[in-house]
Structures are given as C-alpha cells and as structure tokens.
Amino acid sequence: MLDLVEIAKVEIVEPTGWVNVDLDSGKDDCVRTFMLQVAILSNHQNGRDTHLRQVKVFTPALPTPSELNLNFTSPLLAQFRCLK
C-alpha cells in the first residue's frame, strides 16, 4: 500500500498548449491519492529542457456546507456554517 502505482503513461510528440491526461484507474470512478507524481522520462526538440508551467487536478464535485442544510444551534458551531 505504500508504493507508488502507475495510473497513466502518455507519450506526447511535439506538445503545444494544454495536454489532458485522464487518470482512470479502472477500479473506481476516481483515483484516491495523497500524492501525485509526474515524471518526464525524456526531453523533446534535441534534448532541450522540458518545463511544466502548470498542472491542474480536477476532483469530483462535493456538496458545499450550504447545500447540506446544516442547522447549527450553538454559537460555537454556527460560526463555521460558511466560508468568509
């Protein structure tokens, strides 16, 4: 359980713009993880350095506290009803 598990391996030739990588594990609807490792195995364009400028990870939408209709009665808990 403590080892890294390879979920996706993608080979990209001459990438431009955003590249989407679907992380479908085949077991669940989503991949549950505490760490995501991205490895660049080789450079392109005659060995120039490869740069990751931004990585976006999207997760399934979860209900917000306001959608859960939590009716707190104590002032101590009522202060956590919404985010400011």
C-alpha atoms as a PDB file:
ATOM      1  CA  MET A   1       0.000   0.000   0.000  1.00  0.00           C
ATOM      2  CA  LEU A   2       2.926   2.391   0.462  1.00  0.00           C
ATOM      3  CA  ASP A   3       4.315   2.019  -3.054  1.00  0.00           C
ATOM      4  CA  LEU A   4       3.618   4.274  -5.999  1.00  0.00           C
ATOM      5  CA  VAL A   5       1.181   2.867  -8.537  1.00  0.00           C
ATOM      6  CA  GLU A   6       1.409   3.865 -12.197  1.00  0.00           C
ATOM      7  CA  ILE A   7      -2.019   5.021 -13.348  1.00  0.00           C
ATOM      8  CA  ALA A   8      -1.267   6.536 -16.756  1.00  0.00           C
ATOM      9  CA  LYS A   9       1.672   6.686 -19.132  1.00  0.00           C
ATOM     10  CA  VAL A  10       1.396   9.118 -22.032  1.00  0.00           C
ATOM     11  CA  GLU A  11       3.804   9.670 -24.907  1.00  0.00           C
ATOM     12  CA  ILE A  12       3.477  13.126 -26.442  1.00  0.00           C
ATOM     13  CA  VAL A  13       5.137  14.201 -29.685  1.00  0.00           C
ATOM     14  CA  GLU A  14       5.679  17.970 -30.147  1.00  0.00           C
ATOM     15  CA  PRO A  15       3.201  19.163 -27.491  1.00  0.00           C
ATOM     16  CA  THR A  16       1.654  22.612 -27.823  1.00  0.00           C
ATOM     17  CA  GLY A  17      -0.830  24.117 -25.406  1.00  0.00           C
ATOM     18  CA  TRP A  18      -2.651  22.090 -22.782  1.00  0.00           C
ATOM     19  CA  VAL A  19      -2.342  18.317 -22.742  1.00  0.00           C
ATOM     20  CA  ASN A  20      -5.123  16.429 -20.953  1.00  0.00           C
ATOM     21  CA  VAL A  21      -4.278  13.154 -19.236  1.00  0.00           C
ATOM     22  CA  ASP A  22      -7.173  11.037 -17.981  1.00  0.00           C
ATOM     23  CA  LEU A  23      -6.275   9.319 -14.711  1.00  0.00           C
ATOM     24  CA  ASP A  24      -8.738   6.440 -14.895  1.00  0.00           C
ATOM     25  CA  SER A  25      -7.629   3.659 -12.563  1.00  0.00           C
ATOM     26  CA  GLY A  26     -10.256   1.240 -13.859  1.00  0.00           C
ATOM     27  CA  LYS A  27     -11.339   0.349 -10.312  1.00  0.00           C
ATOM     28  CA  ASP A  28     -13.323   3.355  -9.076  1.00  0.00           C
ATOM     29  CA  ASP A  29     -14.919   6.454 -10.516  1.00  0.00           C
ATOM     30  CA  CYS A  30     -11.873   8.440  -9.400  1.00  0.00           C
ATOM     31  CA  VAL A  31      -8.335   7.954  -8.163  1.00  0.00           C
ATOM     32  CA  ARG A  32      -7.907   8.437  -4.409  1.00  0.00           C
ATOM     33  CA  THR A  33      -4.459   9.704  -3.532  1.00  0.00           C
ATOM     34  CA  PHE A  34      -2.416  11.874  -1.204  1.00  0.00           C
ATOM     35  CA  MET A  35       0.390  12.422  -3.707  1.00  0.00           C
ATOM     36  CA  LEU A  36       0.528  12.768  -7.480  1.00  0.00           C
ATOM     37  CA  GLN A  37       3.897  12.327  -9.166  1.00  0.00           C
ATOM     38  CA  VAL A  38       4.504  13.467 -12.744  1.00  0.00           C
ATOM     39  CA  ALA A  39       7.684  12.111 -14.337  1.00  0.00           C
ATOM     40  CA  ILE A  40       9.214  13.438 -17.562  1.00  0.00           C
ATOM     41  CA  LEU A  41      11.111  10.444 -18.939  1.00  0.00           C
ATOM     42  CA  SER A  42      12.728  12.127 -21.937  1.00  0.00           C
ATOM     43  CA  ASN A  43      13.078  15.592 -23.467  1.00  0.00           C
ATOM     44  CA  HIS A  44      11.951  16.629 -26.915  1.00  0.00           C
ATOM     45  CA  GLN A  45      13.426  19.032 -29.502  1.00  0.00           C
ATOM     46  CA  ASN A  46      17.001  17.726 -29.477  1.00  0.00           C
ATOM     47  CA  GLY A  47      17.299  17.456 -25.696  1.00  0.00           C
ATOM     48  CA  ARG A  48      16.086  20.892 -24.629  1.00  0.00           C
ATOM     49  CA  ASP A  49      14.826  21.030 -21.088  1.00  0.00           C
ATOM     50  CA  THR A  50      11.163  20.262 -20.579  1.00  0.00           C
ATOM     51  CA  HIS A  51       9.174  22.637 -18.368  1.00  0.00           C
ATOM     52  CA  LEU A  52       5.827  22.052 -16.698  1.00  0.00           C
ATOM     53  CA  ARG A  53       4.345  25.501 -16.342  1.00  0.00           C
ATOM     54  CA  GLN A  54       1.116  24.481 -14.655  1.00  0.00           C
ATOM     55  CA  VAL A  55      -0.644  21.321 -13.502  1.00  0.00           C
ATOM     56  CA  LYS A  56      -4.382  21.335 -12.846  1.00  0.00           C
ATOM     57  CA  VAL A  57      -6.010  18.469 -10.969  1.00  0.00           C
ATOM     58  CA  PHE A  58      -9.797  18.297 -11.027  1.00  0.00           C
ATOM     59  CA  THR A  59     -11.838  16.366  -8.486  1.00  0.00           C
ATOM     60  CA  PRO A  60     -15.481  15.312  -8.364  1.00  0.00           C
ATOM     61  CA  ALA A  61     -17.843  17.989  -7.093  1.00  0.00           C
ATOM     62  CA  LEU A  62     -18.757  17.561  -3.439  1.00  0.00           C
ATOM     63  CA  PRO A  63     -21.711  19.219  -1.730  1.00  0.00           C
ATOM     64  CA  THR A  64     -20.904  22.525  -0.073  1.00  0.00           C
ATOM     65  CA  PRO A  65     -21.887  23.094   3.567  1.00  0.00           C
ATOM     66  CA  SER A  66     -24.732  25.383   2.439  1.00  0.00           C
ATOM     67  CA  GLU A  67     -26.156  22.558   0.293  1.00  0.00           C
ATOM     68  CA  LEU A  68     -26.132  20.149   3.239  1.00  0.00           C
ATOM     69  CA  ASN A  69     -28.712  22.269   5.136  1.00  0.00           C
ATOM     70  CA  LEU A  70     -26.864  22.046   8.433  1.00  0.00           C
ATOM     71  CA  ASN A  71     -28.868  23.743  11.159  1.00  0.00           C
ATOM     72  CA  PHE A  72     -26.418  24.510  13.932  1.00  0.00           C
ATOM     73  CA  THR A  73     -27.952  25.655  17.175  1.00  0.00           C
ATOM     74  CA  SER A  74     -24.894  26.531  19.247  1.00  0.00           C
ATOM     75  CA  PRO A  75     -22.958  29.757  18.500  1.00  0.00           C
ATOM     76  CA  LEU A  76     -19.704  27.784  18.603  1.00  0.00           C
ATOM     77  CA  LEU A  77     -20.722  25.600  15.647  1.00  0.00           C
ATOM     78  CA  ALA A  78     -22.785  28.252  13.850  1.00  0.00           C
ATOM     79  CA  GLN A  79     -19.615  30.267  13.162  1.00  0.00           C
ATOM     80  CA  PHE A  80     -18.466  27.509  10.787  1.00  0.00           C
ATOM     81  CA  ARG A  81     -21.618  27.477   8.617  1.00  0.00           C
ATOM     82  CA  CYS A  82     -19.990  29.356   5.743  1.00  0.00           C
ATOM     83  CA  LEU A  83     -16.595  30.374   4.459  1.00  0.00           C
ATOM     84  CA  LYS A  84     -15.628  34.036   4.526  1.00  0.00           C
END
